[in-house]
Amino acid sequence: MVSEQINFRYEIEEGTTVRLGFRIRKPGKLTKGFMHFPDGCVSAVLVRMLISSKHAGGIRQVCPVGQNFIALNDSEWEFTLDEWVVKEDVILVDMENQGQEPHQISVIITRWSDVPTDSELAAKEVIDKLKRSRTQ
């Protein structure tokens, strides 16, 4: 299995709402998540994670449970996911800054897959070529 970390890092301006997205190119399973809220957020920046999936019937929120948001200050939060995704699903991260200052928020999602990435396939080709050239 190979893993990929999907990084949603964004400096959200005061009084704004954004939706960030990442389109899945290879099927796999979302297994972990991490959120970082810098000092000064004072719970004014709200974050949630959703998955948009045509095959699963639309958009569903996966973190936090329900229709809630996470809002912390000077904190890091790790969480476990158990969500299968297929090609063309989209991971969505909603951020809303209700405060008076901009804040840089990080959300990192880990995806595991049996399907190697393009860079892993290219690296394997190079290694195989080197091995073949040494045996000739």
C-alpha atoms as a PDB file:
ATOM      1  CA  MET A   1       0.000   0.000   0.000  1.00  0.00           C
ATOM      2  CA  VAL A   2       1.099   3.549  -0.651  1.00  0.00           C
ATOM      3  CA  SER A   3       0.080   6.644   1.246  1.00  0.00           C
ATOM      4  CA  GLU A   4      -0.423  10.227   0.213  1.00  0.00           C
ATOM      5  CA  GLN A   5      -0.817  13.281   2.391  1.00  0.00           C
ATOM      6  CA  ILE A   6      -3.280  15.815   1.040  1.00  0.00           C
ATOM      7  CA  ASN A   7      -2.516  19.263   2.426  1.00  0.00           C
ATOM      8  CA  PHE A   8      -5.120  21.987   2.742  1.00  0.00           C
ATOM      9  CA  ARG A   9      -3.209  25.001   4.077  1.00  0.00           C
ATOM     10  CA  TYR A  10      -4.911  28.332   3.668  1.00  0.00           C
ATOM     11  CA  GLU A  11      -4.668  31.832   5.055  1.00  0.00           C
ATOM     12  CA  ILE A  12      -8.269  32.836   5.525  1.00  0.00           C
ATOM     13  CA  GLU A  13      -9.024  36.535   5.716  1.00  0.00           C
ATOM     14  CA  GLU A  14     -11.237  37.953   8.439  1.00  0.00           C
ATOM     15  CA  GLY A  15     -14.973  37.750   7.796  1.00  0.00           C
ATOM     16  CA  THR A  16     -14.691  35.292   4.888  1.00  0.00           C
ATOM     17  CA  THR A  17     -15.764  31.748   4.069  1.00  0.00           C
ATOM     18  CA  VAL A  18     -13.914  29.422   1.663  1.00  0.00           C
ATOM     19  CA  ARG A  19     -14.360  25.906   0.340  1.00  0.00           C
ATOM     20  CA  LEU A  20     -11.150  24.120  -0.686  1.00  0.00           C
ATOM     21  CA  GLY A  21     -11.245  20.967  -2.811  1.00  0.00           C
ATOM     22  CA  PHE A  22      -9.013  18.084  -3.873  1.00  0.00           C
ATOM     23  CA  ARG A  23     -10.125  15.680  -6.631  1.00  0.00           C
ATOM     24  CA  ILE A  24      -9.186  12.030  -6.030  1.00  0.00           C
ATOM     25  CA  ARG A  25      -7.210  10.535  -8.939  1.00  0.00           C
ATOM     26  CA  LYS A  26      -6.794   7.014  -7.535  1.00  0.00           C
ATOM     27  CA  PRO A  27      -9.134   4.973  -5.322  1.00  0.00           C
ATOM     28  CA  GLY A  28      -8.212   4.459  -1.706  1.00  0.00           C
ATOM     29  CA  LYS A  29      -9.158   4.973   1.907  1.00  0.00           C
ATOM     30  CA  LEU A  30      -8.917   8.140   3.974  1.00  0.00           C
ATOM     31  CA  THR A  31      -7.430   7.017   7.290  1.00  0.00           C
ATOM     32  CA  LYS A  32      -6.199  10.032   9.272  1.00  0.00           C
ATOM     33  CA  GLY A  33      -6.680  13.728   9.595  1.00  0.00           C
ATOM     34  CA  PHE A  34      -4.924  16.602  11.295  1.00  0.00           C
ATOM     35  CA  MET A  35      -5.996  20.207  11.892  1.00  0.00           C
ATOM     36  CA  HIS A  36      -3.867  23.067  13.220  1.00  0.00           C
ATOM     37  CA  PHE A  37      -5.315  26.304  14.585  1.00  0.00           C
ATOM     38  CA  PRO A  38      -2.709  28.988  15.415  1.00  0.00           C
ATOM     39  CA  ASP A  39      -2.703  31.156  18.519  1.00  0.00           C
ATOM     40  CA  GLY A  40      -5.113  34.047  18.168  1.00  0.00           C
ATOM     41  CA  CYS A  41      -7.933  32.117  16.494  1.00  0.00           C
ATOM     42  CA  VAL A  42      -9.847  32.198  19.801  1.00  0.00           C
ATOM     43  CA  SER A  43     -12.325  29.729  18.273  1.00  0.00           C
ATOM     44  CA  ALA A  44     -13.281  32.276  15.589  1.00  0.00           C
ATOM     45  CA  VAL A  45     -12.184  30.064  12.660  1.00  0.00           C
ATOM     46  CA  LEU A  46     -14.553  27.185  11.993  1.00  0.00           C
ATOM     47  CA  VAL A  47     -13.479  24.139   9.938  1.00  0.00           C
ATOM     48  CA  ARG A  48     -15.213  21.023   8.645  1.00  0.00           C
ATOM     49  CA  MET A  49     -14.427  18.276   6.125  1.00  0.00           C
ATOM     50  CA  LEU A  50     -16.792  16.762   3.577  1.00  0.00           C
ATOM     51  CA  ILE A  51     -16.642  14.316   0.663  1.00  0.00           C
ATOM     52  CA  SER A  52     -18.460  14.909  -2.601  1.00  0.00           C
ATOM     53  CA  SER A  53     -19.128  11.590  -4.337  1.00  0.00           C
ATOM     54  CA  LYS A  54     -21.399  10.990  -7.317  1.00  0.00           C
ATOM     55  CA  HIS A  55     -21.389   7.221  -6.733  1.00  0.00           C
ATOM     56  CA  ALA A  56     -22.289   7.671  -3.032  1.00  0.00           C
ATOM     57  CA  GLY A  57     -25.117  10.106  -3.705  1.00  0.00           C
ATOM     58  CA  GLY A  58     -23.743  13.602  -3.163  1.00  0.00           C
ATOM     59  CA  ILE A  59     -21.976  15.515  -0.411  1.00  0.00           C
ATOM     60  CA  ARG A  60     -21.616  14.142   3.104  1.00  0.00           C
ATOM     61  CA  GLN A  61     -19.828  15.597   6.103  1.00  0.00           C
ATOM     62  CA  VAL A  62     -17.209  13.292   7.645  1.00  0.00           C
ATOM     63  CA  CYS A  63     -15.538  15.502  10.244  1.00  0.00           C
ATOM     64  CA  PRO A  64     -16.744  16.464  12.724  1.00  0.00           C
ATOM     65  CA  VAL A  65     -19.771  14.202  12.971  1.00  0.00           C
ATOM     66  CA  GLY A  66     -23.087  15.843  12.227  1.00  0.00           C
ATOM     67  CA  GLN A  67     -23.404  19.361  10.906  1.00  0.00           C
ATOM     68  CA  ASN A  68     -20.914  20.883  13.341  1.00  0.00           C
ATOM     69  CA  PHE A  69     -17.589  22.674  12.825  1.00  0.00           C
ATOM     70  CA  ILE A  70     -14.303  22.475  14.753  1.00  0.00           C
ATOM     71  CA  ALA A  71     -13.099  25.794  16.205  1.00  0.00           C
ATOM     72  CA  LEU A  72      -9.972  25.833  18.418  1.00  0.00           C
ATOM     73  CA  ASN A  73      -7.201  28.178  19.526  1.00  0.00           C
ATOM     74  CA  ASP A  74      -3.464  27.398  19.548  1.00  0.00           C
ATOM     75  CA  SER A  75      -4.258  23.712  19.121  1.00  0.00           C
ATOM     76  CA  GLU A  76      -3.610  20.702  16.962  1.00  0.00           C
ATOM     77  CA  TRP A  77      -6.237  18.021  16.562  1.00  0.00           C
ATOM     78  CA  GLU A  78      -5.650  14.553  15.129  1.00  0.00           C
ATOM     79  CA  PHE A  79      -8.581  12.386  14.134  1.00  0.00           C
ATOM     80  CA  THR A  80      -9.218   8.979  12.580  1.00  0.00           C
ATOM     81  CA  LEU A  81     -11.095   8.527   9.324  1.00  0.00           C
ATOM     82  CA  ASP A  82     -12.560   5.367   7.805  1.00  0.00           C
ATOM     83  CA  GLU A  83     -13.748   6.666   4.443  1.00  0.00           C
ATOM     84  CA  TRP A  84     -13.333   4.928   1.086  1.00  0.00           C
ATOM     85  CA  VAL A  85     -12.968   7.204  -1.927  1.00  0.00           C
ATOM     86  CA  VAL A  86     -12.945   6.474  -5.639  1.00  0.00           C
ATOM     87  CA  LYS A  87     -11.576   8.321  -8.653  1.00  0.00           C
ATOM     88  CA  GLU A  88     -13.320  11.682  -9.172  1.00  0.00           C
ATOM     89  CA  ASP A  89     -14.589  11.971  -5.576  1.00  0.00           C
ATOM     90  CA  VAL A  90     -13.690  15.363  -4.105  1.00  0.00           C
ATOM     91  CA  ILE A  91     -12.456  16.041  -0.572  1.00  0.00           C
ATOM     92  CA  LEU A  92     -13.837  19.389   0.571  1.00  0.00           C
ATOM     93  CA  VAL A  93     -12.658  21.542   3.477  1.00  0.00           C
ATOM     94  CA  ASP A  94     -14.871  24.446   4.541  1.00  0.00           C
ATOM     95  CA  MET A  95     -13.334  27.291   6.550  1.00  0.00           C
ATOM     96  CA  GLU A  96     -15.155  30.259   8.001  1.00  0.00           C
ATOM     97  CA  ASN A  97     -13.334  33.107   9.753  1.00  0.00           C
ATOM     98  CA  GLN A  98     -15.749  34.980  12.020  1.00  0.00           C
ATOM     99  CA  GLY A  99     -12.891  36.884  13.651  1.00  0.00           C
ATOM    100  CA  GLN A 100     -11.214  40.240  13.067  1.00  0.00           C
ATOM    101  CA  GLU A 101      -7.816  38.932  11.836  1.00  0.00           C
ATOM    102  CA  PRO A 102      -6.569  36.571   9.106  1.00  0.00           C
ATOM    103  CA  HIS A 103      -5.333  33.129  10.216  1.00  0.00           C
ATOM    104  CA  GLN A 104      -3.379  30.373   8.476  1.00  0.00           C
ATOM    105  CA  ILE A 105      -5.160  27.067   9.027  1.00  0.00           C
ATOM    106  CA  SER A 106      -3.772  23.623   8.119  1.00  0.00           C
ATOM    107  CA  VAL A 107      -5.754  20.484   7.428  1.00  0.00           C
ATOM    108  CA  ILE A 108      -3.869  17.361   6.341  1.00  0.00           C
ATOM    109  CA  ILE A 109      -5.614  14.168   5.232  1.00  0.00           C
ATOM    110  CA  THR A 110      -3.864  10.800   4.732  1.00  0.00           C
ATOM    111  CA  ARG A 111      -5.076   8.523   1.917  1.00  0.00           C
ATOM    112  CA  TRP A 112      -3.927   4.882   1.577  1.00  0.00           C
ATOM    113  CA  SER A 113      -4.190   3.002  -1.693  1.00  0.00           C
ATOM    114  CA  ASP A 114      -3.114  -0.222  -3.367  1.00  0.00           C
ATOM    115  CA  VAL A 115      -2.697   1.790  -6.570  1.00  0.00           C
ATOM    116  CA  PRO A 116       0.788   3.376  -6.801  1.00  0.00           C
ATOM    117  CA  THR A 117       1.083   7.024  -7.741  1.00  0.00           C
ATOM    118  CA  ASP A 118       2.654   8.103 -11.063  1.00  0.00           C
ATOM    119  CA  SER A 119       5.868   9.199  -9.313  1.00  0.00           C
ATOM    120  CA  GLU A 120       6.136   5.839  -7.521  1.00  0.00           C
ATOM    121  CA  LEU A 121       5.710   3.994 -10.830  1.00  0.00           C
ATOM    122  CA  ALA A 122       8.389   6.191 -12.456  1.00  0.00           C
ATOM    123  CA  ALA A 123      10.791   5.564  -9.561  1.00  0.00           C
ATOM    124  CA  LYS A 124      10.199   1.817  -9.820  1.00  0.00           C
ATOM    125  CA  GLU A 125      11.030   1.955 -13.550  1.00  0.00           C
ATOM    126  CA  VAL A 126      14.340   3.706 -12.845  1.00  0.00           C
ATOM    127  CA  ILE A 127      15.251   1.184 -10.142  1.00  0.00           C
ATOM    128  CA  ASP A 128      14.341  -1.748 -12.415  1.00  0.00           C
ATOM    129  CA  LYS A 129      16.503  -0.278 -15.228  1.00  0.00           C
ATOM    130  CA  LEU A 130      19.450   0.070 -12.849  1.00  0.00           C
ATOM    131  CA  LYS A 131      19.037  -3.513 -11.666  1.00  0.00           C
ATOM    132  CA  ARG A 132      18.888  -4.809 -15.253  1.00  0.00           C
ATOM    133  CA  SER A 133      21.990  -2.828 -16.274  1.00  0.00           C
ATOM    134  CA  ARG A 134      23.959  -4.283 -13.342  1.00  0.00           C
ATOM    135  CA  THR A 135      23.081  -7.865 -14.262  1.00  0.00           C
ATOM    136  CA  GLN A 136      24.126  -7.504 -17.929  1.00  0.00           C
END
